[in-house]
Amino acid sequence: MISRIFHFIFGLKEQTEPFHLAHYLCLESCRQVNQPEAIYFHYANEPYGPLWDAIKPHLTLLPVQREPLPLAAYDKSAEGKLIAQQGWSYAHEADFIRLKVLLKHGGVYADMDTLFVAPMPSHLYQYDCVLGEEGALPDERGILRPSLCNALIVAVPGAPFVAKWLDAAYATFDGKWTSHSCQLASRLWEAHPELVHVAPRRYFYRHPWTPAGIQSLFERCDPDVRDVFSLHLCSHLWWDEHRTDFTRFHAGLLTEEYVRAGASTYAMLARRFLPTIQNAA
């Protein structure tokens, strides 16, 4: 059985703004919905602010060992150059750290742009490794192939699939967004299907990383959340207010007022996890 320990990685870059409501709601929804044995918060730079002060007592804080990446890899493609230019390489660092954390501790890893909706089915804790399918991604030839997302991973300590993934990730890393993560996981699944259980897409990725998917989270209401256990918010696609190719919604609009009064999918599902007035003060 996989331990019901939840892992989050945060603060791989300097913290210059107070802990955001979206991140608070991620941790608080995890605490209320899953009632975990422990929540391990792996960090390099500790957050600050009233929402952090409210959630911190419920966490086990673990300073993270940094994962240096070959910077030359980012110069090999236009995609890599953009990632380096935008300062997004910390997300790649987290890709490697999460696998090491799971190999050591086991449990459930989730990205900080997650909202937990319902307790995960008990049977998922009975496998050595569990991943969820997301929308298909094009390979190097432009052919759509199944993709296993690494935004939520369930594993026993030393899971063979995770060990193979980590070893291959070092050899595969090319500075692109998912070559060493989601795309690699999908290829390993094809080669070693006995080592990983793949959960249905709607369990964790009901709303895909497309304009329609992002808008269905923050601008419209999806009435069908049956068998949805968590939402992956794909925050890198909309967090910055200057990025409008997926939605005009941005992090500055995700406020307590929006969650409390909004009619969107996210607002309606997140509302019950809002902090009390005392905690938010």
C-alpha atoms as a PDB file:
ATOM      1  CA  MET A   1       0.000   0.000   0.000  1.00  0.00           C
ATOM      2  CA  ILE A   2       1.204   3.496  -0.830  1.00  0.00           C
ATOM      3  CA  SER A   3       1.504   5.772   2.190  1.00  0.00           C
ATOM      4  CA  ARG A   4      -0.971   8.633   2.240  1.00  0.00           C
ATOM      5  CA  ILE A   5       1.790  11.208   2.410  1.00  0.00           C
ATOM      6  CA  PHE A   6       1.413  14.111  -0.003  1.00  0.00           C
ATOM      7  CA  HIS A   7       4.403  15.962  -1.437  1.00  0.00           C
ATOM      8  CA  PHE A   8       4.604  19.476  -2.888  1.00  0.00           C
ATOM      9  CA  ILE A   9       7.610  21.353  -4.267  1.00  0.00           C
ATOM     10  CA  PHE A  10       7.717  25.132  -4.129  1.00  0.00           C
ATOM     11  CA  GLY A  11      10.024  28.119  -3.850  1.00  0.00           C
ATOM     12  CA  LEU A  12      12.736  27.078  -6.284  1.00  0.00           C
ATOM     13  CA  LYS A  13      13.061  30.761  -7.111  1.00  0.00           C
ATOM     14  CA  GLU A  14      13.176  33.770  -4.817  1.00  0.00           C
ATOM     15  CA  GLN A  15       9.814  34.650  -3.261  1.00  0.00           C
ATOM     16  CA  THR A  16       8.996  38.289  -3.994  1.00  0.00           C
ATOM     17  CA  GLU A  17       5.224  38.249  -3.403  1.00  0.00           C
ATOM     18  CA  PRO A  18       3.049  36.893  -0.577  1.00  0.00           C
ATOM     19  CA  PHE A  19       1.858  33.298  -0.820  1.00  0.00           C
ATOM     20  CA  HIS A  20      -0.946  33.254  -3.383  1.00  0.00           C
ATOM     21  CA  LEU A  21      -4.509  32.188  -2.660  1.00  0.00           C
ATOM     22  CA  ALA A  22      -4.328  29.505  -5.391  1.00  0.00           C
ATOM     23  CA  HIS A  23      -1.415  27.853  -3.608  1.00  0.00           C
ATOM     24  CA  TYR A  24      -3.130  28.084  -0.240  1.00  0.00           C
ATOM     25  CA  LEU A  25      -6.250  26.467  -1.703  1.00  0.00           C
ATOM     26  CA  CYS A  26      -4.139  23.678  -3.188  1.00  0.00           C
ATOM     27  CA  LEU A  27      -2.712  22.740   0.204  1.00  0.00           C
ATOM     28  CA  GLU A  28      -5.897  23.311   2.179  1.00  0.00           C
ATOM     29  CA  SER A  29      -7.978  21.261  -0.262  1.00  0.00           C
ATOM     30  CA  CYS A  30      -5.413  18.476   0.003  1.00  0.00           C
ATOM     31  CA  ARG A  31      -5.632  18.607   3.798  1.00  0.00           C
ATOM     32  CA  GLN A  32      -9.425  18.591   3.940  1.00  0.00           C
ATOM     33  CA  VAL A  33     -10.196  16.213   1.087  1.00  0.00           C
ATOM     34  CA  ASN A  34      -7.471  13.597   1.457  1.00  0.00           C
ATOM     35  CA  GLN A  35      -6.824  13.838   5.211  1.00  0.00           C
ATOM     36  CA  PRO A  36      -3.218  12.727   4.624  1.00  0.00           C
ATOM     37  CA  GLU A  37      -0.886  11.241   7.189  1.00  0.00           C
ATOM     38  CA  ALA A  38       1.435  14.173   6.449  1.00  0.00           C
ATOM     39  CA  ILE A  39       1.944  16.935   3.896  1.00  0.00           C
ATOM     40  CA  TYR A  40       5.629  17.287   3.010  1.00  0.00           C
ATOM     41  CA  PHE A  41       6.423  20.751   1.657  1.00  0.00           C
ATOM     42  CA  HIS A  42       9.780  20.659  -0.136  1.00  0.00           C
ATOM     43  CA  TYR A  43      11.163  24.166  -0.620  1.00  0.00           C
ATOM     44  CA  ALA A  44      14.286  26.198  -1.348  1.00  0.00           C
ATOM     45  CA  ASN A  45      12.905  29.655  -0.520  1.00  0.00           C
ATOM     46  CA  GLU A  46      10.215  29.719   2.158  1.00  0.00           C
ATOM     47  CA  PRO A  47       6.990  31.559   1.267  1.00  0.00           C
ATOM     48  CA  TYR A  48       5.646  34.393   3.377  1.00  0.00           C
ATOM     49  CA  GLY A  49       2.419  36.247   3.997  1.00  0.00           C
ATOM     50  CA  PRO A  50      -0.832  35.705   5.933  1.00  0.00           C
ATOM     51  CA  LEU A  51      -2.005  32.748   3.868  1.00  0.00           C
ATOM     52  CA  TRP A  52       1.334  31.031   4.362  1.00  0.00           C
ATOM     53  CA  ASP A  53       1.103  31.657   8.104  1.00  0.00           C
ATOM     54  CA  ALA A  54      -2.344  30.032   8.068  1.00  0.00           C
ATOM     55  CA  ILE A  55      -1.328  26.819   6.284  1.00  0.00           C
ATOM     56  CA  LYS A  56       2.242  26.392   7.558  1.00  0.00           C
ATOM     57  CA  PRO A  57       1.292  24.673  10.865  1.00  0.00           C
ATOM     58  CA  HIS A  58      -0.290  21.843   8.865  1.00  0.00           C
ATOM     59  CA  LEU A  59       2.858  21.132   6.836  1.00  0.00           C
ATOM     60  CA  THR A  60       6.135  19.304   7.366  1.00  0.00           C
ATOM     61  CA  LEU A  61       8.762  21.612   5.884  1.00  0.00           C
ATOM     62  CA  LEU A  62      11.732  19.956   4.181  1.00  0.00           C
ATOM     63  CA  PRO A  63      14.518  22.044   2.584  1.00  0.00           C
ATOM     64  CA  VAL A  64      15.091  20.709  -0.904  1.00  0.00           C
ATOM     65  CA  GLN A  65      18.348  19.642  -2.503  1.00  0.00           C
ATOM     66  CA  ARG A  66      18.707  21.642  -5.693  1.00  0.00           C
ATOM     67  CA  GLU A  67      18.968  19.899  -9.049  1.00  0.00           C
ATOM     68  CA  PRO A  68      21.395  21.681 -11.406  1.00  0.00           C
ATOM     69  CA  LEU A  69      20.515  21.302 -15.080  1.00  0.00           C
ATOM     70  CA  PRO A  70      22.781  21.539 -18.148  1.00  0.00           C
ATOM     71  CA  LEU A  71      22.167  25.088 -19.328  1.00  0.00           C
ATOM     72  CA  ALA A  72      23.578  24.313 -22.778  1.00  0.00           C
ATOM     73  CA  ALA A  73      20.540  22.115 -23.456  1.00  0.00           C
ATOM     74  CA  TYR A  74      18.320  25.194 -23.671  1.00  0.00           C
ATOM     75  CA  ASP A  75      20.277  26.556 -26.625  1.00  0.00           C
ATOM     76  CA  LYS A  76      19.431  23.576 -28.835  1.00  0.00           C
ATOM     77  CA  SER A  77      15.891  24.614 -29.746  1.00  0.00           C
ATOM     78  CA  ALA A  78      13.643  27.660 -29.990  1.00  0.00           C
ATOM     79  CA  GLU A  79      11.426  26.147 -27.294  1.00  0.00           C
ATOM     80  CA  GLY A  80      14.374  25.712 -24.948  1.00  0.00           C
ATOM     81  CA  LYS A  81      15.596  29.235 -25.574  1.00  0.00           C
ATOM     82  CA  LEU A  82      12.150  30.603 -24.728  1.00  0.00           C
ATOM     83  CA  ILE A  83      12.004  28.600 -21.491  1.00  0.00           C
ATOM     84  CA  ALA A  84      15.421  29.902 -20.448  1.00  0.00           C
ATOM     85  CA  GLN A  85      14.545  33.466 -21.455  1.00  0.00           C
ATOM     86  CA  GLN A  86      11.312  33.403 -19.439  1.00  0.00           C
ATOM     87  CA  GLY A  87      13.039  31.924 -16.392  1.00  0.00           C
ATOM     88  CA  TRP A  88      10.914  28.766 -16.377  1.00  0.00           C
ATOM     89  CA  SER A  89      13.799  26.333 -15.880  1.00  0.00           C
ATOM     90  CA  TYR A  90      12.826  25.940 -12.205  1.00  0.00           C
ATOM     91  CA  ALA A  91       9.874  23.857 -13.448  1.00  0.00           C
ATOM     92  CA  HIS A  92      12.340  21.442 -15.070  1.00  0.00           C
ATOM     93  CA  GLU A  93      14.282  21.275 -11.836  1.00  0.00           C
ATOM     94  CA  ALA A  94      11.084  20.296 -10.042  1.00  0.00           C
ATOM     95  CA  ASP A  95      10.537  17.513 -12.612  1.00  0.00           C
ATOM     96  CA  PHE A  96      13.662  15.761 -11.351  1.00  0.00           C
ATOM     97  CA  ILE A  97      13.177  16.572  -7.669  1.00  0.00           C
ATOM     98  CA  ARG A  98       9.689  15.038  -7.570  1.00  0.00           C
ATOM     99  CA  LEU A  99      10.979  11.699  -8.843  1.00  0.00           C
ATOM    100  CA  LYS A 100      13.746  11.646  -6.256  1.00  0.00           C
ATOM    101  CA  VAL A 101      11.284  12.542  -3.489  1.00  0.00           C
ATOM    102  CA  LEU A 102       8.965   9.707  -4.464  1.00  0.00           C
ATOM    103  CA  LEU A 103      11.786   7.185  -4.756  1.00  0.00           C
ATOM    104  CA  LYS A 104      12.820   8.043  -1.221  1.00  0.00           C
ATOM    105  CA  HIS A 105       9.518   8.543   0.585  1.00  0.00           C
ATOM    106  CA  GLY A 106       6.752   7.210  -1.645  1.00  0.00           C
ATOM    107  CA  GLY A 107       3.292   8.724  -1.422  1.00  0.00           C
ATOM    108  CA  VAL A 108       1.505  11.202  -3.676  1.00  0.00           C
ATOM    109  CA  TYR A 109       3.215  14.078  -5.467  1.00  0.00           C
ATOM    110  CA  ALA A 110       1.089  16.931  -6.811  1.00  0.00           C
ATOM    111  CA  ASP A 111       1.879  20.250  -8.456  1.00  0.00           C
ATOM    112  CA  MET A 112       1.044  23.389  -6.505  1.00  0.00           C
ATOM    113  CA  ASP A 113      -1.501  24.381  -9.158  1.00  0.00           C
ATOM    114  CA  THR A 114      -3.785  21.541  -8.120  1.00  0.00           C
ATOM    115  CA  LEU A 115      -7.194  21.717  -6.477  1.00  0.00           C
ATOM    116  CA  PHE A 116      -8.364  18.537  -4.768  1.00  0.00           C
ATOM    117  CA  VAL A 117     -12.048  17.859  -5.243  1.00  0.00           C
ATOM    118  CA  ALA A 118     -12.749  14.390  -3.827  1.00  0.00           C
ATOM    119  CA  PRO A 119     -10.702  11.712  -2.022  1.00  0.00           C
ATOM    120  CA  MET A 120      -8.728   9.577  -4.405  1.00  0.00           C
ATOM    121  CA  PRO A 121     -10.144   6.061  -4.794  1.00  0.00           C
ATOM    122  CA  SER A 122      -8.618   3.618  -2.318  1.00  0.00           C
ATOM    123  CA  HIS A 123      -7.639   1.217  -5.081  1.00  0.00           C
ATOM    124  CA  LEU A 124      -5.113   3.717  -6.471  1.00  0.00           C
ATOM    125  CA  TYR A 125      -3.011   3.273  -3.343  1.00  0.00           C
ATOM    126  CA  GLN A 126      -2.603  -0.432  -4.098  1.00  0.00           C
ATOM    127  CA  TYR A 127      -0.366  -0.067  -7.171  1.00  0.00           C
ATOM    128  CA  ASP A 128       3.386   0.492  -7.295  1.00  0.00           C
ATOM    129  CA  CYS A 129       2.924   3.593  -9.451  1.00  0.00           C
ATOM    130  CA  VAL A 130      -0.068   5.545 -10.767  1.00  0.00           C
ATOM    131  CA  LEU A 131      -0.163   8.273 -13.401  1.00  0.00           C
ATOM    132  CA  GLY A 132      -3.059   9.982 -15.139  1.00  0.00           C
ATOM    133  CA  GLU A 133      -3.529  10.348 -18.864  1.00  0.00           C
ATOM    134  CA  GLU A 134      -3.786  13.860 -20.226  1.00  0.00           C
ATOM    135  CA  GLY A 135      -4.543  15.068 -23.718  1.00  0.00           C
ATOM    136  CA  ALA A 136      -2.418  13.638 -26.513  1.00  0.00           C
ATOM    137  CA  LEU A 137       0.800  15.431 -27.482  1.00  0.00           C
ATOM    138  CA  PRO A 138       2.466  15.528 -30.920  1.00  0.00           C
ATOM    139  CA  ASP A 139       5.751  13.654 -31.204  1.00  0.00           C
ATOM    140  CA  GLU A 140       8.763  14.868 -33.182  1.00  0.00           C
ATOM    141  CA  ARG A 141       6.939  13.911 -36.393  1.00  0.00           C
ATOM    142  CA  GLY A 142       3.783  15.758 -35.420  1.00  0.00           C
ATOM    143  CA  ILE A 143       1.819  12.560 -34.730  1.00  0.00           C
ATOM    144  CA  LEU A 144      -0.426  12.691 -31.671  1.00  0.00           C
ATOM    145  CA  ARG A 145       0.549  10.176 -29.011  1.00  0.00           C
ATOM    146  CA  PRO A 146      -0.887   9.427 -25.554  1.00  0.00           C
ATOM    147  CA  SER A 147       0.686  11.492 -22.790  1.00  0.00           C
ATOM    148  CA  LEU A 148       1.018  10.702 -19.087  1.00  0.00           C
ATOM    149  CA  CYS A 149       1.179  13.892 -17.056  1.00  0.00           C
ATOM    150  CA  ASN A 150       3.636  14.243 -14.166  1.00  0.00           C
ATOM    151  CA  ALA A 151       1.527  16.843 -12.309  1.00  0.00           C
ATOM    152  CA  LEU A 152       0.230  14.059 -10.057  1.00  0.00           C
ATOM    153  CA  ILE A 153       2.182  10.874  -9.346  1.00  0.00           C
ATOM    154  CA  VAL A 154       1.334   8.117  -6.868  1.00  0.00           C
ATOM    155  CA  ALA A 155       4.144   5.677  -6.018  1.00  0.00           C
ATOM    156  CA  VAL A 156       5.644   3.348  -3.454  1.00  0.00           C
ATOM    157  CA  PRO A 157       9.209   4.078  -2.265  1.00  0.00           C
ATOM    158  CA  GLY A 158      11.663   2.819  -4.861  1.00  0.00           C
ATOM    159  CA  ALA A 159       8.960   2.225  -7.474  1.00  0.00           C
ATOM    160  CA  PRO A 160      10.650   0.578 -10.510  1.00  0.00           C
ATOM    161  CA  PHE A 161       8.774   2.782 -12.974  1.00  0.00           C
ATOM    162  CA  VAL A 162       9.901   5.950 -11.202  1.00  0.00           C
ATOM    163  CA  ALA A 163      13.495   4.674 -11.026  1.00  0.00           C
ATOM    164  CA  LYS A 164      13.558   3.971 -14.772  1.00  0.00           C
ATOM    165  CA  TRP A 165      11.961   7.355 -15.423  1.00  0.00           C
ATOM    166  CA  LEU A 166      14.578   9.244 -13.421  1.00  0.00           C
ATOM    167  CA  ASP A 167      17.489   7.408 -15.045  1.00  0.00           C
ATOM    168  CA  ALA A 168      16.132   8.022 -18.541  1.00  0.00           C
ATOM    169  CA  ALA A 169      15.231  11.659 -17.785  1.00  0.00           C
ATOM    170  CA  TYR A 170      18.879  12.624 -17.358  1.00  0.00           C
ATOM    171  CA  ALA A 171      19.720  11.151 -20.757  1.00  0.00           C
ATOM    172  CA  THR A 172      16.617  12.605 -22.428  1.00  0.00           C
ATOM    173  CA  PHE A 173      16.684  16.176 -21.089  1.00  0.00           C
ATOM    174  CA  ASP A 174      16.937  18.576 -24.023  1.00  0.00           C
ATOM    175  CA  GLY A 175      15.631  21.851 -22.594  1.00  0.00           C
ATOM    176  CA  LYS A 176      12.152  21.375 -24.052  1.00  0.00           C
ATOM    177  CA  TRP A 177       9.025  21.417 -21.913  1.00  0.00           C
ATOM    178  CA  THR A 178       8.049  17.736 -21.707  1.00  0.00           C
ATOM    179  CA  SER A 179      10.648  15.585 -23.492  1.00  0.00           C
ATOM    180  CA  HIS A 180      12.027  14.220 -20.214  1.00  0.00           C
ATOM    181  CA  SER A 181       8.722  14.236 -18.321  1.00  0.00           C
ATOM    182  CA  CYS A 182       5.325  13.520 -19.864  1.00  0.00           C
ATOM    183  CA  GLN A 183       6.542  12.275 -23.239  1.00  0.00           C
ATOM    184  CA  LEU A 184       9.202  10.085 -21.659  1.00  0.00           C
ATOM    185  CA  ALA A 185       6.696   8.645 -19.175  1.00  0.00           C
ATOM    186  CA  SER A 186       4.437   7.697 -22.077  1.00  0.00           C
ATOM    187  CA  ARG A 187       7.242   5.856 -23.875  1.00  0.00           C
ATOM    188  CA  LEU A 188       8.165   4.000 -20.686  1.00  0.00           C
ATOM    189  CA  TRP A 189       4.509   3.039 -20.264  1.00  0.00           C
ATOM    190  CA  GLU A 190       4.552   1.498 -23.733  1.00  0.00           C
ATOM    191  CA  ALA A 191       7.752  -0.406 -22.923  1.00  0.00           C
ATOM    192  CA  HIS A 192       6.814  -1.439 -19.359  1.00  0.00           C
ATOM    193  CA  PRO A 193       3.018  -1.410 -18.997  1.00  0.00           C
ATOM    194  CA  GLU A 194       3.232  -3.751 -16.018  1.00  0.00           C
ATOM    195  CA  LEU A 195       5.073  -1.135 -13.936  1.00  0.00           C
ATOM    196  CA  VAL A 196       2.461   1.632 -13.977  1.00  0.00           C
ATOM    197  CA  HIS A 197      -1.295   1.927 -13.604  1.00  0.00           C
ATOM    198  CA  VAL A 198      -2.834   4.624 -15.796  1.00  0.00           C
ATOM    199  CA  ALA A 199      -5.890   6.369 -14.373  1.00  0.00           C
ATOM    200  CA  PRO A 200      -8.663   7.690 -16.652  1.00  0.00           C
ATOM    201  CA  ARG A 201      -8.140  11.214 -17.911  1.00  0.00           C
ATOM    202  CA  ARG A 202     -11.086  12.721 -16.056  1.00  0.00           C
ATOM    203  CA  TYR A 203      -9.696  11.646 -12.658  1.00  0.00           C
ATOM    204  CA  PHE A 204      -7.029  14.376 -12.675  1.00  0.00           C
ATOM    205  CA  TYR A 205      -7.152  16.107 -16.090  1.00  0.00           C
ATOM    206  CA  ARG A 206     -10.809  16.609 -16.930  1.00  0.00           C
ATOM    207  CA  HIS A 207     -10.032  20.116 -18.276  1.00  0.00           C
ATOM    208  CA  PRO A 208      -7.189  19.960 -20.814  1.00  0.00           C
ATOM    209  CA  TRP A 209      -4.333  22.400 -21.447  1.00  0.00           C
ATOM    210  CA  THR A 210      -6.171  24.143 -24.306  1.00  0.00           C
ATOM    211  CA  PRO A 211      -7.901  27.532 -24.474  1.00  0.00           C
ATOM    212  CA  ALA A 212     -11.262  25.777 -24.144  1.00  0.00           C
ATOM    213  CA  GLY A 213     -10.013  23.727 -21.194  1.00  0.00           C
ATOM    214  CA  ILE A 214      -8.556  26.684 -19.311  1.00  0.00           C
ATOM    215  CA  GLN A 215     -11.624  28.819 -19.985  1.00  0.00           C
ATOM    216  CA  SER A 216     -13.867  26.025 -18.713  1.00  0.00           C
ATOM    217  CA  LEU A 217     -12.009  26.230 -15.411  1.00  0.00           C
ATOM    218  CA  PHE A 218     -12.048  29.983 -14.847  1.00  0.00           C
ATOM    219  CA  GLU A 219     -14.645  31.550 -17.145  1.00  0.00           C
ATOM    220  CA  ARG A 220     -17.387  28.940 -17.403  1.00  0.00           C
ATOM    221  CA  CYS A 221     -18.957  26.278 -15.213  1.00  0.00           C
ATOM    222  CA  ASP A 222     -18.616  22.586 -15.990  1.00  0.00           C
ATOM    223  CA  PRO A 223     -21.597  20.849 -14.364  1.00  0.00           C
ATOM    224  CA  ASP A 224     -20.132  17.367 -14.848  1.00  0.00           C
ATOM    225  CA  VAL A 225     -17.429  16.654 -12.259  1.00  0.00           C
ATOM    226  CA  ARG A 226     -18.293  13.004 -11.709  1.00  0.00           C
ATOM    227  CA  ASP A 227     -15.156  10.963 -11.025  1.00  0.00           C
ATOM    228  CA  VAL A 228     -13.067  14.142 -10.902  1.00  0.00           C
ATOM    229  CA  PHE A 229     -10.706  13.862  -7.943  1.00  0.00           C
ATOM    230  CA  SER A 230      -8.478  16.853  -8.639  1.00  0.00           C
ATOM    231  CA  LEU A 231      -8.057  19.727 -11.078  1.00  0.00           C
ATOM    232  CA  HIS A 232      -4.758  20.588 -12.718  1.00  0.00           C
ATOM    233  CA  LEU A 233      -4.824  24.332 -13.362  1.00  0.00           C
ATOM    234  CA  CYS A 234      -1.904  24.550 -15.867  1.00  0.00           C
ATOM    235  CA  SER A 235      -1.006  27.857 -14.244  1.00  0.00           C
ATOM    236  CA  HIS A 236       1.998  28.584 -16.491  1.00  0.00           C
ATOM    237  CA  LEU A 237      -0.468  29.138 -19.352  1.00  0.00           C
ATOM    238  CA  TRP A 238      -2.408  31.974 -17.689  1.00  0.00           C
ATOM    239  CA  TRP A 239      -0.666  33.187 -14.518  1.00  0.00           C
ATOM    240  CA  ASP A 240       0.880  36.284 -16.108  1.00  0.00           C
ATOM    241  CA  GLU A 241      -1.697  38.957 -16.963  1.00  0.00           C
ATOM    242  CA  HIS A 242       0.177  39.719 -20.190  1.00  0.00           C
ATOM    243  CA  ARG A 243      -0.384  36.209 -21.511  1.00  0.00           C
ATOM    244  CA  THR A 244      -3.810  36.141 -23.147  1.00  0.00           C
ATOM    245  CA  ASP A 245      -3.517  33.389 -25.779  1.00  0.00           C
ATOM    246  CA  PHE A 246      -5.365  30.882 -23.561  1.00  0.00           C
ATOM    247  CA  THR A 247      -7.567  33.146 -21.454  1.00  0.00           C
ATOM    248  CA  ARG A 248      -7.802  36.708 -20.218  1.00  0.00           C
ATOM    249  CA  PHE A 249      -7.994  35.360 -16.695  1.00  0.00           C
ATOM    250  CA  HIS A 250      -4.780  35.724 -14.678  1.00  0.00           C
ATOM    251  CA  ALA A 251      -3.426  35.295 -11.163  1.00  0.00           C
ATOM    252  CA  GLY A 252      -4.316  38.831 -10.162  1.00  0.00           C
ATOM    253  CA  LEU A 253      -8.002  38.032 -10.707  1.00  0.00           C
ATOM    254  CA  LEU A 254      -7.922  34.885  -8.588  1.00  0.00           C
ATOM    255  CA  THR A 255      -8.937  36.554  -5.350  1.00  0.00           C
ATOM    256  CA  GLU A 256     -11.080  35.551  -2.391  1.00  0.00           C
ATOM    257  CA  GLU A 257     -13.901  37.669  -3.845  1.00  0.00           C
ATOM    258  CA  TYR A 258     -13.698  35.818  -7.166  1.00  0.00           C
ATOM    259  CA  VAL A 259     -13.765  32.408  -5.474  1.00  0.00           C
ATOM    260  CA  ARG A 260     -16.540  33.375  -3.079  1.00  0.00           C
ATOM    261  CA  ALA A 261     -18.869  34.880  -5.682  1.00  0.00           C
ATOM    262  CA  GLY A 262     -17.716  33.378  -8.979  1.00  0.00           C
ATOM    263  CA  ALA A 263     -19.766  30.939 -11.046  1.00  0.00           C
ATOM    264  CA  SER A 264     -16.816  29.209 -12.714  1.00  0.00           C
ATOM    265  CA  THR A 265     -15.850  25.572 -12.257  1.00  0.00           C
ATOM    266  CA  TYR A 266     -12.839  26.483 -10.172  1.00  0.00           C
ATOM    267  CA  ALA A 267     -14.625  29.017  -7.972  1.00  0.00           C
ATOM    268  CA  MET A 268     -17.504  26.692  -7.185  1.00  0.00           C
ATOM    269  CA  LEU A 269     -15.210  23.792  -6.278  1.00  0.00           C
ATOM    270  CA  ALA A 270     -12.656  25.891  -4.351  1.00  0.00           C
ATOM    271  CA  ARG A 271     -15.121  27.944  -2.308  1.00  0.00           C
ATOM    272  CA  ARG A 272     -15.365  25.542   0.621  1.00  0.00           C
ATOM    273  CA  PHE A 273     -11.605  25.730   1.200  1.00  0.00           C
ATOM    274  CA  LEU A 274     -11.391  29.510   1.600  1.00  0.00           C
ATOM    275  CA  PRO A 275      -9.596  30.653   4.746  1.00  0.00           C
ATOM    276  CA  THR A 276     -11.559  31.986   7.659  1.00  0.00           C
ATOM    277  CA  ILE A 277     -11.551  35.723   8.267  1.00  0.00           C
ATOM    278  CA  GLN A 278      -9.277  35.171  11.255  1.00  0.00           C
ATOM    279  CA  ASN A 279      -6.718  33.250   9.192  1.00  0.00           C
ATOM    280  CA  ALA A 280      -6.847  35.633   6.280  1.00  0.00           C
ATOM    281  CA  ALA A 281      -6.350  38.717   8.431  1.00  0.00           C
END
